[in-house]
Amino acid sequence: MTTPILIFATAALAAAPIATEHTSSFVLPSGVSVRIVERPFTQGKLKVSGCNESSATCLINGRTPMGIVSTVPKTYVWNISVTYRGKSYQLKADDMYDAWGERPLEHKGVVRHFGGACVDLENCQFRGLFSDGAASFVAEWKIVNGVESRTILTDSRDVMEVFRQSIDPPVD
């Protein structure tokens, strides 16, 4: 008698859509190759509090996540890598959720949602505008003397507007 239930449960699981990893890869006009990997979010070892319609706050591991509003995220940014003339860097990607999904981060000749450049192999600056439609946020990174740091991670409307108007940061 347990066999039909087990078969039914297995069939139901097989029919359920499974979220998969999504990778966006492109080359900026400055010649920098960018690769952004988003993975399905699972709570696992993370401590999630709030993150529902009845809670005014959402915290993941005690920090405010970017990209979500009153809900547990569907995805998280697992990796952002940039490569310029054979030199690669990993950009900090923690606290970035529901960032883009399967939509392209650029529409050639129309709009880009990620920009930046390197002045040499050890000095670069990048900006990204991320959104899955529910919540938007921006991030900015600098690589100075080969050391990467994220200088901005915010959902501030005025900063987002600056990034929309100028996705390529000024190269210092």
C-alpha atoms as a PDB file:
ATOM      1  CA  MET A   1       0.000   0.000   0.000  1.00  0.00           C
ATOM      2  CA  THR A   2       2.909   2.371   0.532  1.00  0.00           C
ATOM      3  CA  THR A   3       4.217   1.795  -2.995  1.00  0.00           C
ATOM      4  CA  PRO A   4       1.486   3.849  -4.780  1.00  0.00           C
ATOM      5  CA  ILE A   5       2.048   6.759  -2.384  1.00  0.00           C
ATOM      6  CA  LEU A   6       5.792   6.602  -2.969  1.00  0.00           C
ATOM      7  CA  ILE A   7       5.285   6.511  -6.736  1.00  0.00           C
ATOM      8  CA  PHE A   8       2.860   9.442  -6.545  1.00  0.00           C
ATOM      9  CA  ALA A   9       5.308  11.488  -4.448  1.00  0.00           C
ATOM     10  CA  THR A  10       8.163  10.705  -6.826  1.00  0.00           C
ATOM     11  CA  ALA A  11       6.035  11.688  -9.830  1.00  0.00           C
ATOM     12  CA  ALA A  12       5.016  14.936  -8.155  1.00  0.00           C
ATOM     13  CA  LEU A  13       8.653  15.801  -7.430  1.00  0.00           C
ATOM     14  CA  ALA A  14       9.663  14.983 -10.998  1.00  0.00           C
ATOM     15  CA  ALA A  15       6.975  17.334 -12.341  1.00  0.00           C
ATOM     16  CA  ALA A  16       7.989  20.254 -10.094  1.00  0.00           C
ATOM     17  CA  PRO A  17      10.209  22.840 -11.789  1.00  0.00           C
ATOM     18  CA  ILE A  18      13.741  22.833 -10.445  1.00  0.00           C
ATOM     19  CA  ALA A  19      15.561  26.161 -10.260  1.00  0.00           C
ATOM     20  CA  THR A  20      18.934  26.052 -11.934  1.00  0.00           C
ATOM     21  CA  GLU A  21      22.107  28.076 -11.967  1.00  0.00           C
ATOM     22  CA  HIS A  22      22.213  30.920 -14.489  1.00  0.00           C
ATOM     23  CA  THR A  23      25.361  32.478 -15.912  1.00  0.00           C
ATOM     24  CA  SER A  24      25.617  35.792 -17.776  1.00  0.00           C
ATOM     25  CA  SER A  25      28.849  36.345 -19.683  1.00  0.00           C
ATOM     26  CA  PHE A  26      29.693  39.373 -21.792  1.00  0.00           C
ATOM     27  CA  VAL A  27      32.522  41.715 -22.767  1.00  0.00           C
ATOM     28  CA  LEU A  28      32.305  45.396 -21.837  1.00  0.00           C
ATOM     29  CA  PRO A  29      33.206  48.085 -24.419  1.00  0.00           C
ATOM     30  CA  SER A  30      36.408  48.595 -22.390  1.00  0.00           C
ATOM     31  CA  GLY A  31      37.500  45.024 -23.222  1.00  0.00           C
ATOM     32  CA  VAL A  32      36.840  43.548 -19.765  1.00  0.00           C
ATOM     33  CA  SER A  33      35.149  40.127 -19.754  1.00  0.00           C
ATOM     34  CA  VAL A  34      32.459  39.736 -17.094  1.00  0.00           C
ATOM     35  CA  ARG A  35      30.889  36.537 -15.772  1.00  0.00           C
ATOM     36  CA  ILE A  36      28.043  36.623 -13.242  1.00  0.00           C
ATOM     37  CA  VAL A  37      26.700  33.377 -11.762  1.00  0.00           C
ATOM     38  CA  GLU A  38      23.383  33.273  -9.929  1.00  0.00           C
ATOM     39  CA  ARG A  39      22.334  30.129  -8.066  1.00  0.00           C
ATOM     40  CA  PRO A  40      19.073  28.976  -6.486  1.00  0.00           C
ATOM     41  CA  PHE A  41      18.758  30.102  -2.859  1.00  0.00           C
ATOM     42  CA  THR A  42      18.419  27.482  -0.148  1.00  0.00           C
ATOM     43  CA  GLN A  43      18.442  28.391   3.508  1.00  0.00           C
ATOM     44  CA  GLY A  44      20.823  25.600   4.495  1.00  0.00           C
ATOM     45  CA  LYS A  45      23.217  27.029   7.085  1.00  0.00           C
ATOM     46  CA  LEU A  46      21.941  30.600   6.711  1.00  0.00           C
ATOM     47  CA  LYS A  47      19.865  32.212   9.442  1.00  0.00           C
ATOM     48  CA  VAL A  48      16.832  33.881   7.851  1.00  0.00           C
ATOM     49  CA  SER A  49      14.579  36.087   9.974  1.00  0.00           C
ATOM     50  CA  GLY A  50      11.630  38.168   8.890  1.00  0.00           C
ATOM     51  CA  CYS A  51      11.524  37.918   5.110  1.00  0.00           C
ATOM     52  CA  ASN A  52       7.742  37.587   4.957  1.00  0.00           C
ATOM     53  CA  GLU A  53       4.807  39.885   4.342  1.00  0.00           C
ATOM     54  CA  SER A  54       4.008  40.217   8.049  1.00  0.00           C
ATOM     55  CA  SER A  55       7.546  41.362   8.936  1.00  0.00           C
ATOM     56  CA  ALA A  56       8.898  44.870   8.369  1.00  0.00           C
ATOM     57  CA  THR A  57      12.463  43.595   8.249  1.00  0.00           C
ATOM     58  CA  CYS A  58      14.306  40.814   6.523  1.00  0.00           C
ATOM     59  CA  LEU A  59      17.723  39.657   7.670  1.00  0.00           C
ATOM     60  CA  ILE A  60      19.945  36.903   6.330  1.00  0.00           C
ATOM     61  CA  ASN A  61      22.777  36.026   8.707  1.00  0.00           C
ATOM     62  CA  GLY A  62      21.998  39.247  10.581  1.00  0.00           C
ATOM     63  CA  ARG A  63      22.503  41.482   7.529  1.00  0.00           C
ATOM     64  CA  THR A  64      20.059  43.296   5.264  1.00  0.00           C
ATOM     65  CA  PRO A  65      19.896  41.505   1.907  1.00  0.00           C
ATOM     66  CA  MET A  66      19.726  43.535  -1.300  1.00  0.00           C
ATOM     67  CA  GLY A  67      17.190  42.604  -3.964  1.00  0.00           C
ATOM     68  CA  ILE A  68      14.279  41.258  -1.956  1.00  0.00           C
ATOM     69  CA  VAL A  69      11.140  42.716  -0.438  1.00  0.00           C
ATOM     70  CA  SER A  70       9.274  40.792   2.285  1.00  0.00           C
ATOM     71  CA  THR A  71      10.094  37.356   0.953  1.00  0.00           C
ATOM     72  CA  VAL A  72      12.754  34.668   1.066  1.00  0.00           C
ATOM     73  CA  PRO A  73      14.966  35.079  -2.024  1.00  0.00           C
ATOM     74  CA  LYS A  74      14.755  32.738  -4.989  1.00  0.00           C
ATOM     75  CA  THR A  75      18.399  33.193  -6.042  1.00  0.00           C
ATOM     76  CA  TYR A  76      21.687  34.634  -4.843  1.00  0.00           C
ATOM     77  CA  VAL A  77      24.750  35.918  -6.662  1.00  0.00           C
ATOM     78  CA  TRP A  78      27.317  33.179  -6.208  1.00  0.00           C
ATOM     79  CA  ASN A  79      30.159  34.675  -8.215  1.00  0.00           C
ATOM     80  CA  ILE A  80      31.138  37.760 -10.196  1.00  0.00           C
ATOM     81  CA  SER A  81      34.430  37.546 -12.026  1.00  0.00           C
ATOM     82  CA  VAL A  82      36.118  40.066 -14.301  1.00  0.00           C
ATOM     83  CA  THR A  83      39.063  39.416 -16.595  1.00  0.00           C
ATOM     84  CA  TYR A  84      41.245  41.990 -18.309  1.00  0.00           C
ATOM     85  CA  ARG A  85      44.200  41.000 -20.512  1.00  0.00           C
ATOM     86  CA  GLY A  86      44.446  37.612 -18.816  1.00  0.00           C
ATOM     87  CA  LYS A  87      44.266  38.943 -15.228  1.00  0.00           C
ATOM     88  CA  SER A  88      41.135  37.833 -13.322  1.00  0.00           C
ATOM     89  CA  TYR A  89      39.477  39.099 -10.166  1.00  0.00           C
ATOM     90  CA  GLN A  90      36.551  37.854  -8.070  1.00  0.00           C
ATOM     91  CA  LEU A  91      34.245  40.707  -7.050  1.00  0.00           C
ATOM     92  CA  LYS A  92      32.519  40.563  -3.663  1.00  0.00           C
ATOM     93  CA  ALA A  93      28.985  39.247  -4.166  1.00  0.00           C
ATOM     94  CA  ASP A  94      27.594  38.547  -0.680  1.00  0.00           C
ATOM     95  CA  ASP A  95      24.202  39.988   0.359  1.00  0.00           C
ATOM     96  CA  MET A  96      23.091  40.157  -3.311  1.00  0.00           C
ATOM     97  CA  TYR A  97      19.840  38.263  -3.966  1.00  0.00           C
ATOM     98  CA  ASP A  98      17.305  37.888  -6.800  1.00  0.00           C
ATOM     99  CA  ALA A  99      19.719  39.969  -8.841  1.00  0.00           C
ATOM    100  CA  TRP A 100      18.843  39.268 -12.443  1.00  0.00           C
ATOM    101  CA  GLY A 101      17.766  35.764 -13.336  1.00  0.00           C
ATOM    102  CA  GLU A 102      17.757  34.836 -16.986  1.00  0.00           C
ATOM    103  CA  ARG A 103      17.389  38.344 -18.391  1.00  0.00           C
ATOM    104  CA  PRO A 104      20.431  39.707 -20.224  1.00  0.00           C
ATOM    105  CA  LEU A 105      22.610  42.230 -18.400  1.00  0.00           C
ATOM    106  CA  GLU A 106      23.125  44.046 -21.674  1.00  0.00           C
ATOM    107  CA  HIS A 107      21.171  44.835 -24.811  1.00  0.00           C
ATOM    108  CA  LYS A 108      23.884  45.776 -27.314  1.00  0.00           C
ATOM    109  CA  GLY A 109      23.579  49.374 -28.414  1.00  0.00           C
ATOM    110  CA  VAL A 110      20.614  50.065 -26.121  1.00  0.00           C
ATOM    111  CA  VAL A 111      21.365  49.605 -22.436  1.00  0.00           C
ATOM    112  CA  ARG A 112      23.918  47.932 -20.193  1.00  0.00           C
ATOM    113  CA  HIS A 113      23.345  47.075 -16.561  1.00  0.00           C
ATOM    114  CA  PHE A 114      27.013  46.471 -15.802  1.00  0.00           C
ATOM    115  CA  GLY A 115      29.928  48.703 -16.703  1.00  0.00           C
ATOM    116  CA  GLY A 116      33.494  49.545 -15.960  1.00  0.00           C
ATOM    117  CA  ALA A 117      37.061  49.500 -17.124  1.00  0.00           C
ATOM    118  CA  CYS A 118      40.636  48.847 -16.092  1.00  0.00           C
ATOM    119  CA  VAL A 119      43.399  51.413 -16.513  1.00  0.00           C
ATOM    120  CA  ASP A 120      45.966  48.605 -16.197  1.00  0.00           C
ATOM    121  CA  LEU A 121      46.122  45.046 -14.847  1.00  0.00           C
ATOM    122  CA  GLU A 122      45.837  46.121 -11.193  1.00  0.00           C
ATOM    123  CA  ASN A 123      43.486  49.136 -11.212  1.00  0.00           C
ATOM    124  CA  CYS A 124      39.846  48.852 -12.279  1.00  0.00           C
ATOM    125  CA  GLN A 125      36.385  50.098 -11.359  1.00  0.00           C
ATOM    126  CA  PHE A 126      32.972  48.498 -12.031  1.00  0.00           C
ATOM    127  CA  ARG A 127      29.285  49.239 -11.476  1.00  0.00           C
ATOM    128  CA  GLY A 128      26.219  47.045 -11.677  1.00  0.00           C
ATOM    129  CA  LEU A 129      22.485  47.698 -11.588  1.00  0.00           C
ATOM    130  CA  PHE A 130      20.572  44.610 -10.446  1.00  0.00           C
ATOM    131  CA  SER A 131      16.839  43.869 -10.342  1.00  0.00           C
ATOM    132  CA  ASP A 132      14.451  40.983 -10.713  1.00  0.00           C
ATOM    133  CA  GLY A 133      11.499  43.359 -10.976  1.00  0.00           C
ATOM    134  CA  ALA A 134      10.542  43.417  -7.279  1.00  0.00           C
ATOM    135  CA  ALA A 135      13.506  45.255  -5.775  1.00  0.00           C
ATOM    136  CA  SER A 136      16.462  47.007  -7.379  1.00  0.00           C
ATOM    137  CA  PHE A 137      19.921  47.704  -6.039  1.00  0.00           C
ATOM    138  CA  VAL A 138      23.346  48.782  -7.245  1.00  0.00           C
ATOM    139  CA  ALA A 139      26.903  47.796  -6.451  1.00  0.00           C
ATOM    140  CA  GLU A 140      30.244  49.344  -7.220  1.00  0.00           C
ATOM    141  CA  TRP A 141      33.694  47.773  -6.936  1.00  0.00           C
ATOM    142  CA  LYS A 142      37.233  49.110  -7.139  1.00  0.00           C
ATOM    143  CA  ILE A 143      40.423  47.208  -7.677  1.00  0.00           C
ATOM    144  CA  VAL A 144      43.360  49.283  -6.462  1.00  0.00           C
ATOM    145  CA  ASN A 145      46.889  47.917  -6.725  1.00  0.00           C
ATOM    146  CA  GLY A 146      45.400  44.456  -7.267  1.00  0.00           C
ATOM    147  CA  VAL A 147      43.162  44.547  -4.168  1.00  0.00           C
ATOM    148  CA  GLU A 148      39.406  44.267  -4.761  1.00  0.00           C
ATOM    149  CA  SER A 149      36.822  46.016  -2.586  1.00  0.00           C
ATOM    150  CA  ARG A 150      33.121  46.670  -2.946  1.00  0.00           C
ATOM    151  CA  THR A 151      32.628  50.371  -2.288  1.00  0.00           C
ATOM    152  CA  ILE A 152      28.836  50.582  -2.710  1.00  0.00           C
ATOM    153  CA  LEU A 153      25.932  48.194  -2.140  1.00  0.00           C
ATOM    154  CA  THR A 154      22.661  50.078  -1.809  1.00  0.00           C
ATOM    155  CA  ASP A 155      19.032  50.319  -2.862  1.00  0.00           C
ATOM    156  CA  SER A 156      19.099  54.126  -2.554  1.00  0.00           C
ATOM    157  CA  ARG A 157      17.011  55.614  -5.374  1.00  0.00           C
ATOM    158  CA  ASP A 158      19.311  58.571  -5.978  1.00  0.00           C
ATOM    159  CA  VAL A 159      22.411  56.363  -6.280  1.00  0.00           C
ATOM    160  CA  MET A 160      20.520  54.010  -8.603  1.00  0.00           C
ATOM    161  CA  GLU A 161      19.616  56.976 -10.797  1.00  0.00           C
ATOM    162  CA  VAL A 162      23.288  58.015 -11.049  1.00  0.00           C
ATOM    163  CA  PHE A 163      24.186  54.468 -12.106  1.00  0.00           C
ATOM    164  CA  ARG A 164      21.347  54.389 -14.672  1.00  0.00           C
ATOM    165  CA  GLN A 165      22.640  57.609 -16.210  1.00  0.00           C
ATOM    166  CA  SER A 166      26.295  56.535 -16.115  1.00  0.00           C
ATOM    167  CA  ILE A 167      26.859  52.791 -15.819  1.00  0.00           C
ATOM    168  CA  ASP A 168      30.553  53.243 -16.609  1.00  0.00           C
ATOM    169  CA  PRO A 169      32.229  54.813 -13.578  1.00  0.00           C
ATOM    170  CA  PRO A 170      34.905  57.432 -14.076  1.00  0.00           C
ATOM    171  CA  VAL A 171      38.302  55.762 -14.223  1.00  0.00           C
ATOM    172  CA  ASP A 172      40.527  57.227 -11.510  1.00  0.00           C
END
